[in-house]
Amino acid sequence: MTHGDVVAAARAVADRVSGRTRVAVWATPSPETVLAVVGALAAGVAVVPLNPKVGSRELAHILADSAPELLLHAPGDTPEVELPKHAVDTAARVHGEPLPEPDPESVAFVVYTSGTTGPPKGVLLPRRAVATNLDALAEIWSWTAEDVLVHGLPLFHVHGLIVGVLGPLRRGGALRHLGRFSSAAVGAAFDTGATLMFGVPTMYHRLGLDCAEDPALAAAVGRARLLVSGSAALPATDHARITESTGQRVVERYGMTETLMNCGVRADGERRPGIVGPALPGVEVRLADVADGMGELEVRGPNLFLGYLNRPDATEAAFADGWFRTGDMAVQEPDGAFRIVGRRATDLIKSGGYKIGAGEIENALLEHPAVAEAAVTAEPDDDLGERIVAWVVPTGEPPSPDELADHVAALLAPHKRPRVVHFLDALPRNDMGKVTKRALRA
């Protein structure tokens, strides 16, 4: 679709949703998702992107919490929810004068993000945050209308949807979404004019292995103007493998659902494994409670969210004197760039580019009749970054690990299933009765 096609087709969606406060989008990797989101934004209606693989429990929570008035989806892909639905028609066109731009402080997105305990929280992202953040990224990456972005990221969170779809639209450039990531599809895109790639470490790990085995693929990737990795740290071994086979040095950046992007390595900057760059233009980043050179990253700027939907308590706890407390620990290099070293809380897992709370997986496991006690931790994984590990005390005969994984996937989402399950007679606990996860890892 051309930009003109998108404008006219999205206007048809805008007319359908106009006057509503909030709509949900069944965010499959499809043109319909793009048009649904752009049309709702054009009408000044907040978008709640939904993971099409979401489990029944999590979906029910999100819909009850966000209370969307309509669900937009692709034809033939209708989720079973008690909500008015509208199938987006990619052939529909409505022409006319541009709709007025809403207040920059109005909500553009309600994106659900996992915490360490309890169900996901709805992050209220204003239009101001989206616009300023995309412009800051364009500045550091020299991103223009001449660029053709390729990625296979899901379209229900900020990386794939806001940066990866709205970014090309704001720049006037092109997007080629792969539908599903594969190294071969990436190579074909770079062979036919793509200039940029966005991905998570899992994708770059696979791409690096494939480039090492396939000189033609390595040559295609070597033609990229810029490779950008985010959502978790890219291991130094993957950096080295990609550089050795393609000549490319991957750029890393650092962001969160609540803040969009905070830091990023410039296209013309020094690229070092583990370094996520300095603060973006217009964004302030500082270290708090520094000890031994390491402190918690705090952020302030136009990229910040408005708060958590229906959770004033969580919103208040997330800020200190106007600074958002990220919970990520970092070190600042002499040149001002930051290196992320870990989480302040140990119960947030980053696996395959997803941020996953251990607490909600533990709660799901405890609903299985064969589980008496459960704890969840993470361990390093070359492909996923971190893999989810479950420690289970069974009520009797232990169920199979696959049965427990399928149980969690059905309640929550497939990417939240445990990859490893250990069965124990008892969980280690301290004097207060709290599970000591450090002992489990040991």
Protein backbone atom coordinates (compact mmCIF):
# COMPACT_ATOMS: atom_id res chain seq x y z
CA MET A 1 0.00 0.00 0.00
CA THR A 2 1.21 3.50 -0.75
CA HIS A 3 1.04 6.26 1.86
CA GLY A 4 -1.98 7.62 -0.03
CA ASP A 5 -3.67 4.22 0.23
CA VAL A 6 -3.02 4.14 3.96
CA VAL A 7 -4.42 7.65 4.45
CA ALA A 8 -7.68 6.90 2.61
CA ALA A 9 -8.14 3.40 4.07
CA ALA A 10 -7.38 4.59 7.60
CA ARG A 11 -9.87 7.43 7.13
CA ALA A 12 -12.54 4.78 6.52
CA VAL A 13 -11.62 3.23 9.88
CA ALA A 14 -11.59 6.67 11.52
CA ASP A 15 -15.15 7.30 10.39
CA ARG A 16 -16.20 3.95 11.86
CA VAL A 17 -14.67 4.55 15.30
CA SER A 18 -15.18 8.31 15.60
CA GLY A 19 -16.69 9.46 18.89
CA ARG A 20 -15.46 6.51 20.89
CA THR A 21 -12.98 6.79 23.75
CA ARG A 22 -11.09 3.53 23.36
CA VAL A 23 -10.97 0.63 20.87
CA ALA A 24 -9.13 -2.69 21.00
CA VAL A 25 -7.17 -4.02 18.04
CA TRP A 26 -6.60 -7.77 17.50
CA ALA A 27 -2.99 -7.11 16.55
CA THR A 28 -2.10 -9.78 14.03
CA PRO A 29 0.87 -9.03 11.73
CA SER A 30 -1.39 -7.74 8.95
CA PRO A 31 -2.32 -4.63 6.96
CA GLU A 32 -5.63 -4.60 8.84
CA THR A 33 -3.80 -4.03 12.13
CA VAL A 34 -1.89 -1.08 10.65
CA LEU A 35 -5.07 0.50 9.27
CA ALA A 36 -6.98 -0.11 12.51
CA VAL A 37 -4.30 1.62 14.57
CA VAL A 38 -3.73 4.53 12.19
CA GLY A 39 -7.45 5.05 11.70
CA ALA A 40 -8.16 5.12 15.42
CA LEU A 41 -5.29 7.53 16.02
CA ALA A 42 -6.54 9.78 13.21
CA ALA A 43 -9.93 9.89 14.93
CA GLY A 44 -8.35 10.70 18.30
CA VAL A 45 -9.41 7.35 19.76
CA ALA A 46 -7.06 5.47 22.10
CA VAL A 47 -5.85 2.05 20.92
CA VAL A 48 -5.55 -1.08 23.09
CA PRO A 49 -3.36 -3.53 21.12
CA LEU A 50 -4.15 -7.18 21.92
CA ASN A 51 -1.75 -10.08 21.56
CA PRO A 52 -3.64 -12.56 19.32
CA LYS A 53 -2.05 -15.43 21.26
CA VAL A 54 -3.10 -14.09 24.64
CA GLY A 55 -4.52 -16.59 27.13
CA SER A 56 -8.12 -16.49 28.32
CA ARG A 57 -7.33 -15.18 31.80
CA GLU A 58 -5.11 -12.36 30.60
CA LEU A 59 -7.50 -11.34 27.82
CA ALA A 60 -10.41 -11.15 30.25
CA HIS A 61 -8.38 -8.95 32.57
CA ILE A 62 -7.28 -6.56 29.81
CA LEU A 63 -10.79 -6.15 28.40
CA ALA A 64 -12.34 -5.63 31.83
CA ASP A 65 -9.64 -3.15 32.84
CA SER A 66 -9.53 -1.09 29.62
CA ALA A 67 -13.24 -1.34 28.70
CA PRO A 68 -12.87 -0.82 24.93
CA GLU A 69 -16.08 0.03 23.07
CA LEU A 70 -15.20 -1.85 19.88
CA LEU A 71 -12.79 -4.53 18.66
CA LEU A 72 -11.10 -4.04 15.27
CA HIS A 73 -9.77 -7.13 13.50
CA ALA A 74 -8.90 -8.66 10.14
CA PRO A 75 -11.73 -10.48 8.30
CA GLY A 76 -11.83 -14.17 9.11
CA ASP A 77 -9.78 -13.69 12.28
CA THR A 78 -12.48 -12.98 14.83
CA PRO A 79 -11.67 -13.50 18.51
CA GLU A 80 -14.42 -14.88 20.71
CA VAL A 81 -15.09 -11.99 23.09
CA GLU A 82 -18.28 -10.31 24.24
CA LEU A 83 -17.59 -7.02 22.50
CA PRO A 84 -18.91 -5.28 19.35
CA LYS A 85 -16.58 -6.07 16.45
CA HIS A 86 -15.62 -4.49 13.15
CA ALA A 87 -13.66 -6.23 10.39
CA VAL A 88 -11.26 -3.79 8.74
CA ASP A 89 -11.57 -3.63 4.95
CA THR A 90 -8.24 -2.88 3.27
CA ALA A 91 -10.04 -1.95 0.05
CA ALA A 92 -12.24 0.73 1.65
CA ARG A 93 -11.33 4.33 0.82
CA VAL A 94 -12.61 7.63 2.20
CA HIS A 95 -11.12 10.88 0.92
CA GLY A 96 -11.36 14.30 2.50
CA GLU A 97 -9.60 16.97 4.46
CA PRO A 98 -7.23 15.73 7.19
CA LEU A 99 -8.87 15.32 10.58
CA PRO A 100 -7.81 17.80 13.26
CA GLU A 101 -4.88 16.73 15.42
CA PRO A 102 -6.06 15.97 18.98
CA ASP A 103 -4.48 17.34 22.15
CA PRO A 104 -0.87 16.07 22.45
CA GLU A 105 -1.62 15.00 26.03
CA SER A 106 -4.53 12.78 24.99
CA VAL A 107 -4.02 9.03 25.19
CA ALA A 108 -2.81 7.34 21.99
CA PHE A 109 -2.26 3.83 23.33
CA VAL A 110 -3.08 1.68 26.34
CA VAL A 111 -0.35 -0.97 26.23
CA TYR A 112 -0.38 -3.74 28.83
CA THR A 113 2.91 -4.62 30.46
CA SER A 114 3.81 -7.29 33.01
CA GLY A 115 5.13 -6.44 36.43
CA THR A 116 6.75 -8.68 38.99
CA THR A 117 3.44 -9.52 40.67
CA GLY A 118 -0.21 -9.49 39.71
CA PRO A 119 -1.86 -9.07 36.32
CA PRO A 120 -0.47 -6.74 33.63
CA LYS A 121 -0.97 -2.99 34.01
CA GLY A 122 -2.30 -0.69 31.29
CA VAL A 123 0.28 1.96 30.36
CA LEU A 124 -1.30 5.23 29.16
CA LEU A 125 0.91 6.59 26.37
CA PRO A 126 0.07 10.10 25.13
CA ARG A 127 0.40 11.29 21.55
CA ARG A 128 3.13 13.67 22.74
CA ALA A 129 5.33 10.76 23.83
CA VAL A 130 4.92 8.91 20.52
CA ALA A 131 5.67 11.94 18.34
CA THR A 132 8.68 13.24 20.24
CA ASN A 133 10.20 9.80 20.64
CA LEU A 134 9.97 8.93 16.95
CA ASP A 135 11.55 12.26 16.05
CA ALA A 136 14.40 11.70 18.51
CA LEU A 137 15.09 8.26 17.01
CA ALA A 138 15.06 9.75 13.53
CA GLU A 139 17.71 12.23 14.63
CA ILE A 140 20.15 9.69 16.11
CA TRP A 141 19.68 7.09 13.36
CA SER A 142 19.53 9.56 10.42
CA TRP A 143 16.16 7.97 9.61
CA THR A 144 14.56 9.54 6.52
CA ALA A 145 11.88 8.99 3.89
CA GLU A 146 14.49 7.16 1.81
CA ASP A 147 14.74 4.32 4.34
CA VAL A 148 12.99 0.98 3.94
CA LEU A 149 12.51 -0.75 7.29
CA VAL A 150 12.21 -4.54 7.55
CA HIS A 151 11.17 -6.40 10.70
CA GLY A 152 9.16 -9.37 11.91
CA LEU A 153 8.25 -7.99 15.35
CA PRO A 154 4.77 -8.54 16.80
CA LEU A 155 2.41 -5.58 16.51
CA PHE A 156 0.98 -5.56 20.02
CA HIS A 157 3.80 -3.79 21.87
CA VAL A 158 5.79 -0.60 21.48
CA HIS A 159 8.83 -2.01 19.65
CA GLY A 160 7.06 -3.50 16.66
CA LEU A 161 3.99 -1.25 16.54
CA ILE A 162 4.95 2.25 17.66
CA VAL A 163 8.60 2.35 16.56
CA GLY A 164 8.31 -0.24 13.78
CA VAL A 165 5.05 0.88 12.13
CA LEU A 166 4.39 4.48 13.11
CA GLY A 167 8.08 5.33 12.66
CA PRO A 168 8.12 4.68 8.90
CA LEU A 169 4.76 6.45 8.53
CA ARG A 170 6.01 9.53 10.35
CA ARG A 171 9.21 9.62 8.31
CA GLY A 172 7.42 9.04 5.01
CA GLY A 173 9.45 5.93 4.33
CA ALA A 174 8.53 2.29 3.75
CA LEU A 175 7.91 -0.76 5.91
CA ARG A 176 8.20 -4.40 4.91
CA HIS A 177 6.78 -6.57 7.65
CA LEU A 178 7.82 -10.21 7.38
CA GLY A 179 4.72 -11.61 9.05
CA ARG A 180 7.00 -14.04 10.81
CA PHE A 181 10.74 -13.62 11.26
CA SER A 182 13.11 -15.74 9.21
CA SER A 183 16.69 -15.12 8.16
CA ALA A 184 15.84 -15.93 4.55
CA ALA A 185 13.09 -13.29 4.48
CA VAL A 186 15.45 -10.72 5.98
CA GLY A 187 18.06 -11.51 3.34
CA ALA A 188 15.50 -11.20 0.55
CA ALA A 189 14.42 -7.81 1.88
CA PHE A 190 17.98 -6.47 1.92
CA ASP A 191 18.51 -7.89 -1.57
CA THR A 192 15.59 -5.79 -2.80
CA GLY A 193 16.19 -2.40 -1.24
CA ALA A 194 15.63 -2.61 2.52
CA THR A 195 17.98 -0.34 4.49
CA LEU A 196 17.03 -0.80 8.17
CA MET A 197 16.20 -3.76 10.39
CA PHE A 198 14.68 -3.79 13.87
CA GLY A 199 14.88 -6.98 15.91
CA VAL A 200 15.25 -8.55 19.34
CA PRO A 201 18.31 -10.56 20.43
CA THR A 202 16.61 -13.88 19.65
CA MET A 203 16.26 -12.81 16.02
CA TYR A 204 19.85 -11.57 15.77
CA HIS A 205 21.11 -14.79 17.37
CA ARG A 206 19.41 -16.82 14.65
CA LEU A 207 20.41 -14.39 11.91
CA GLY A 208 24.05 -14.51 13.03
CA LEU A 209 24.14 -18.31 12.98
CA ASP A 210 22.55 -18.42 9.54
CA CYS A 211 24.87 -15.73 8.13
CA ALA A 212 27.87 -17.71 9.35
CA GLU A 213 26.64 -20.69 7.28
CA ASP A 214 25.38 -18.82 4.21
CA PRO A 215 27.72 -16.34 2.46
CA ALA A 216 24.92 -15.07 0.21
CA LEU A 217 22.77 -14.22 3.23
CA ALA A 218 25.74 -12.58 4.94
CA ALA A 219 26.35 -10.46 1.85
CA ALA A 220 22.71 -9.36 1.76
CA VAL A 221 22.69 -8.35 5.43
CA GLY A 222 26.01 -6.62 4.88
CA ARG A 223 24.24 -4.18 2.56
CA ALA A 224 22.08 -2.81 5.40
CA ARG A 225 22.47 0.80 6.43
CA LEU A 226 21.62 0.02 10.04
CA LEU A 227 20.77 -3.01 12.21
CA VAL A 228 19.02 -2.10 15.49
CA SER A 229 18.54 -4.48 18.43
CA GLY A 230 16.40 -3.88 21.50
CA SER A 231 14.03 -5.26 24.17
CA ALA A 232 16.94 -7.07 25.89
CA ALA A 233 20.74 -7.09 25.83
CA LEU A 234 22.38 -8.59 22.75
CA PRO A 235 25.15 -10.96 23.89
CA ALA A 236 28.70 -10.08 22.88
CA THR A 237 29.04 -13.43 21.09
CA ASP A 238 26.15 -12.52 18.77
CA HIS A 239 27.64 -9.08 18.14
CA ALA A 240 30.94 -10.71 17.17
CA ARG A 241 29.35 -13.41 14.98
CA ILE A 242 27.31 -10.88 12.97
CA THR A 243 30.28 -8.55 12.54
CA GLU A 244 32.57 -11.38 11.45
CA SER A 245 30.17 -12.71 8.81
CA THR A 246 28.55 -9.49 7.53
CA GLY A 247 30.86 -6.62 8.48
CA GLN A 248 27.94 -4.98 10.29
CA ARG A 249 28.02 -3.70 13.87
CA VAL A 250 24.59 -3.85 15.49
CA VAL A 251 23.25 -0.72 17.21
CA GLU A 252 21.55 -1.21 20.58
CA ARG A 253 18.95 0.98 22.25
CA TYR A 254 17.10 0.91 25.58
CA GLY A 255 13.43 1.50 26.24
CA MET A 256 10.37 0.45 28.19
CA THR A 257 6.64 0.42 27.59
CA GLU A 258 6.24 3.31 30.06
CA THR A 259 8.91 5.48 28.45
CA LEU A 260 9.24 4.29 24.85
CA MET A 261 12.94 4.73 23.97
CA ASN A 262 15.30 6.33 26.48
CA CYS A 263 18.78 5.72 25.10
CA GLY A 264 20.26 4.73 21.78
CA VAL A 265 23.59 4.38 20.03
CA ARG A 266 23.83 6.88 17.19
CA ALA A 267 24.25 5.66 13.63
CA ASP A 268 27.56 7.55 13.54
CA GLY A 269 28.51 6.60 17.10
CA GLU A 270 30.81 3.97 18.56
CA ARG A 271 29.14 0.55 18.75
CA ARG A 272 30.21 -1.57 21.68
CA PRO A 273 28.52 -4.76 22.93
CA GLY A 274 26.40 -4.07 26.00
CA ILE A 275 26.27 -0.31 25.46
CA VAL A 276 22.82 1.17 24.80
CA GLY A 277 24.09 4.67 24.12
CA PRO A 278 23.45 8.02 25.79
CA ALA A 279 20.03 9.55 26.46
CA LEU A 280 17.98 10.43 23.38
CA PRO A 281 17.63 14.11 22.42
CA GLY A 282 15.13 15.73 24.78
CA VAL A 283 15.24 12.85 27.28
CA GLU A 284 16.97 13.05 30.66
CA VAL A 285 18.46 9.89 32.19
CA ARG A 286 20.23 9.67 35.54
CA LEU A 287 21.49 7.05 37.99
CA ALA A 288 20.01 7.04 41.49
CA ASP A 289 21.38 5.46 44.67
CA VAL A 290 24.74 4.82 43.04
CA ALA A 291 27.01 2.29 44.72
CA ASP A 292 30.22 0.89 43.21
CA GLY A 293 29.46 2.87 40.06
CA MET A 294 26.07 1.20 39.55
CA GLY A 295 22.67 2.77 40.13
CA GLU A 296 19.02 2.59 39.15
CA LEU A 297 18.12 4.30 35.89
CA GLU A 298 15.59 7.08 36.27
CA VAL A 299 14.04 8.93 33.34
CA ARG A 300 12.38 12.30 32.79
CA GLY A 301 11.16 13.88 29.56
CA PRO A 302 8.40 14.16 26.95
CA ASN A 303 8.62 10.40 26.29
CA LEU A 304 7.02 9.48 29.62
CA PHE A 305 3.63 7.85 30.00
CA LEU A 306 0.70 9.50 31.81
CA GLY A 307 0.26 6.73 34.37
CA TYR A 308 -1.21 3.25 34.78
CA LEU A 309 -4.89 2.84 33.93
CA ASN A 310 -7.03 2.47 37.06
CA ARG A 311 -3.89 2.17 39.20
CA PRO A 312 -3.09 5.50 40.91
CA ASP A 313 -1.19 3.58 43.59
CA ALA A 314 1.14 1.98 41.05
CA THR A 315 1.55 5.29 39.21
CA GLU A 316 2.58 7.10 42.38
CA ALA A 317 5.03 4.34 43.32
CA ALA A 318 6.68 4.50 39.90
CA PHE A 319 7.84 8.11 40.26
CA ALA A 320 10.28 9.93 42.53
CA ASP A 321 10.28 13.74 42.32
CA GLY A 322 9.04 13.64 38.73
CA TRP A 323 11.54 10.98 37.62
CA PHE A 324 10.28 7.57 36.47
CA ARG A 325 12.02 4.73 38.29
CA THR A 326 12.79 2.07 35.67
CA GLY A 327 13.92 -0.68 38.03
CA ASP A 328 16.90 -1.29 35.71
CA MET A 329 20.41 -1.07 37.10
CA ALA A 330 23.10 0.52 34.95
CA VAL A 331 26.62 1.92 34.80
CA GLN A 332 27.46 5.14 32.98
CA GLU A 333 30.57 5.03 30.83
CA PRO A 334 33.04 7.95 30.70
CA ASP A 335 31.59 9.09 27.36
CA GLY A 336 28.07 9.33 28.84
CA ALA A 337 26.71 6.11 27.37
CA PHE A 338 24.94 3.61 29.59
CA ARG A 339 25.41 -0.11 30.11
CA ILE A 340 22.44 -2.02 31.58
CA VAL A 341 23.57 -4.57 34.16
CA GLY A 342 20.33 -6.05 35.53
CA ARG A 343 17.00 -5.59 37.26
CA ARG A 344 16.47 -4.04 40.66
CA ALA A 345 13.80 -6.68 41.15
CA THR A 346 14.84 -10.20 40.31
CA ASP A 347 11.41 -11.37 39.21
CA LEU A 348 11.18 -9.71 35.82
CA ILE A 349 12.24 -12.04 33.01
CA LYS A 350 13.19 -10.92 29.49
CA SER A 351 12.72 -13.81 27.09
CA GLY A 352 12.62 -13.57 23.30
CA GLY A 353 12.14 -9.80 23.52
CA TYR A 354 9.18 -10.09 25.92
CA LYS A 355 9.11 -8.76 29.47
CA ILE A 356 7.50 -11.40 31.68
CA GLY A 357 6.59 -11.28 35.36
CA ALA A 358 7.48 -14.39 37.34
CA GLY A 359 4.57 -13.85 39.71
CA GLU A 360 1.83 -14.31 37.15
CA ILE A 361 3.40 -17.56 35.93
CA GLU A 362 3.62 -18.82 39.50
CA ASN A 363 -0.06 -18.00 40.01
CA ALA A 364 -0.98 -19.86 36.83
CA LEU A 365 1.05 -22.93 37.85
CA LEU A 366 -0.65 -23.01 41.23
CA GLU A 367 -4.01 -23.41 39.50
CA HIS A 368 -2.94 -26.80 38.14
CA PRO A 369 -4.39 -29.52 40.41
CA ALA A 370 -1.06 -31.39 40.55
CA VAL A 371 0.91 -28.36 41.79
CA ALA A 372 1.24 -27.69 45.52
CA GLU A 373 3.92 -24.98 45.40
CA ALA A 374 5.66 -23.16 42.57
CA ALA A 375 8.43 -20.66 42.01
CA VAL A 376 9.68 -19.21 38.73
CA THR A 377 13.16 -17.96 37.86
CA ALA A 378 15.18 -17.38 34.69
CA GLU A 379 18.42 -18.76 33.35
CA PRO A 380 20.54 -17.64 30.39
CA ASP A 381 19.54 -18.89 26.96
CA ASP A 382 21.58 -18.37 23.78
CA ASP A 383 18.44 -18.05 21.66
CA LEU A 384 15.89 -16.32 23.93
CA GLY A 385 18.23 -14.27 26.14
CA GLU A 386 16.57 -15.78 29.21
CA ARG A 387 14.39 -18.87 29.48
CA ILE A 388 11.66 -19.38 32.05
CA VAL A 389 12.38 -22.03 34.67
CA ALA A 390 9.67 -23.43 36.94
CA TRP A 391 10.37 -25.07 40.31
CA VAL A 392 7.40 -27.19 41.34
CA VAL A 393 6.43 -29.13 44.43
CA PRO A 394 3.79 -31.62 43.17
CA THR A 395 0.76 -32.75 45.15
CA GLY A 396 1.50 -36.37 44.26
CA GLU A 397 2.70 -37.92 41.03
CA PRO A 398 4.44 -35.12 39.09
CA PRO A 399 2.71 -34.06 35.86
CA SER A 400 4.80 -33.90 32.71
CA PRO A 401 6.69 -30.65 32.04
CA ASP A 402 4.82 -30.32 28.73
CA GLU A 403 1.48 -30.50 30.53
CA LEU A 404 2.48 -27.65 32.86
CA ALA A 405 3.85 -25.58 29.97
CA ASP A 406 0.62 -26.02 28.01
CA HIS A 407 -1.40 -25.11 31.11
CA VAL A 408 0.46 -21.79 31.49
CA ALA A 409 0.30 -21.02 27.76
CA ALA A 410 -3.48 -21.51 27.74
CA LEU A 411 -4.03 -19.18 30.70
CA LEU A 412 -1.48 -16.49 29.82
CA ALA A 413 0.34 -16.66 26.46
CA PRO A 414 2.67 -19.10 24.69
CA HIS A 415 5.80 -17.03 25.30
CA LYS A 416 5.14 -17.22 29.07
CA ARG A 417 5.31 -21.00 29.28
CA PRO A 418 8.15 -22.56 31.28
CA ARG A 419 10.93 -23.98 29.10
CA VAL A 420 12.44 -25.99 31.97
CA VAL A 421 10.61 -27.61 34.92
CA HIS A 422 12.29 -28.96 38.06
CA PHE A 423 10.38 -31.01 40.64
CA LEU A 424 11.32 -30.61 44.32
CA ASP A 425 10.16 -31.97 47.64
CA ALA A 426 10.06 -28.45 49.07
CA LEU A 427 10.95 -24.88 48.10
CA PRO A 428 13.76 -23.19 50.05
CA ARG A 429 12.40 -20.41 52.28
CA ASN A 430 13.85 -17.83 54.68
CA ASP A 431 12.77 -17.17 58.26
CA MET A 432 9.89 -15.03 57.00
CA GLY A 433 8.60 -17.86 54.83
CA LYS A 434 9.56 -16.20 51.54
CA VAL A 435 11.00 -18.41 48.82
CA THR A 436 14.72 -17.76 48.42
CA LYS A 437 15.15 -17.82 44.66
CA ARG A 438 18.90 -17.32 44.95
CA ALA A 439 19.07 -20.76 46.54
CA LEU A 440 17.05 -22.23 43.67
CA ARG A 441 19.43 -20.80 41.09
CA ALA A 442 22.40 -22.13 43.03
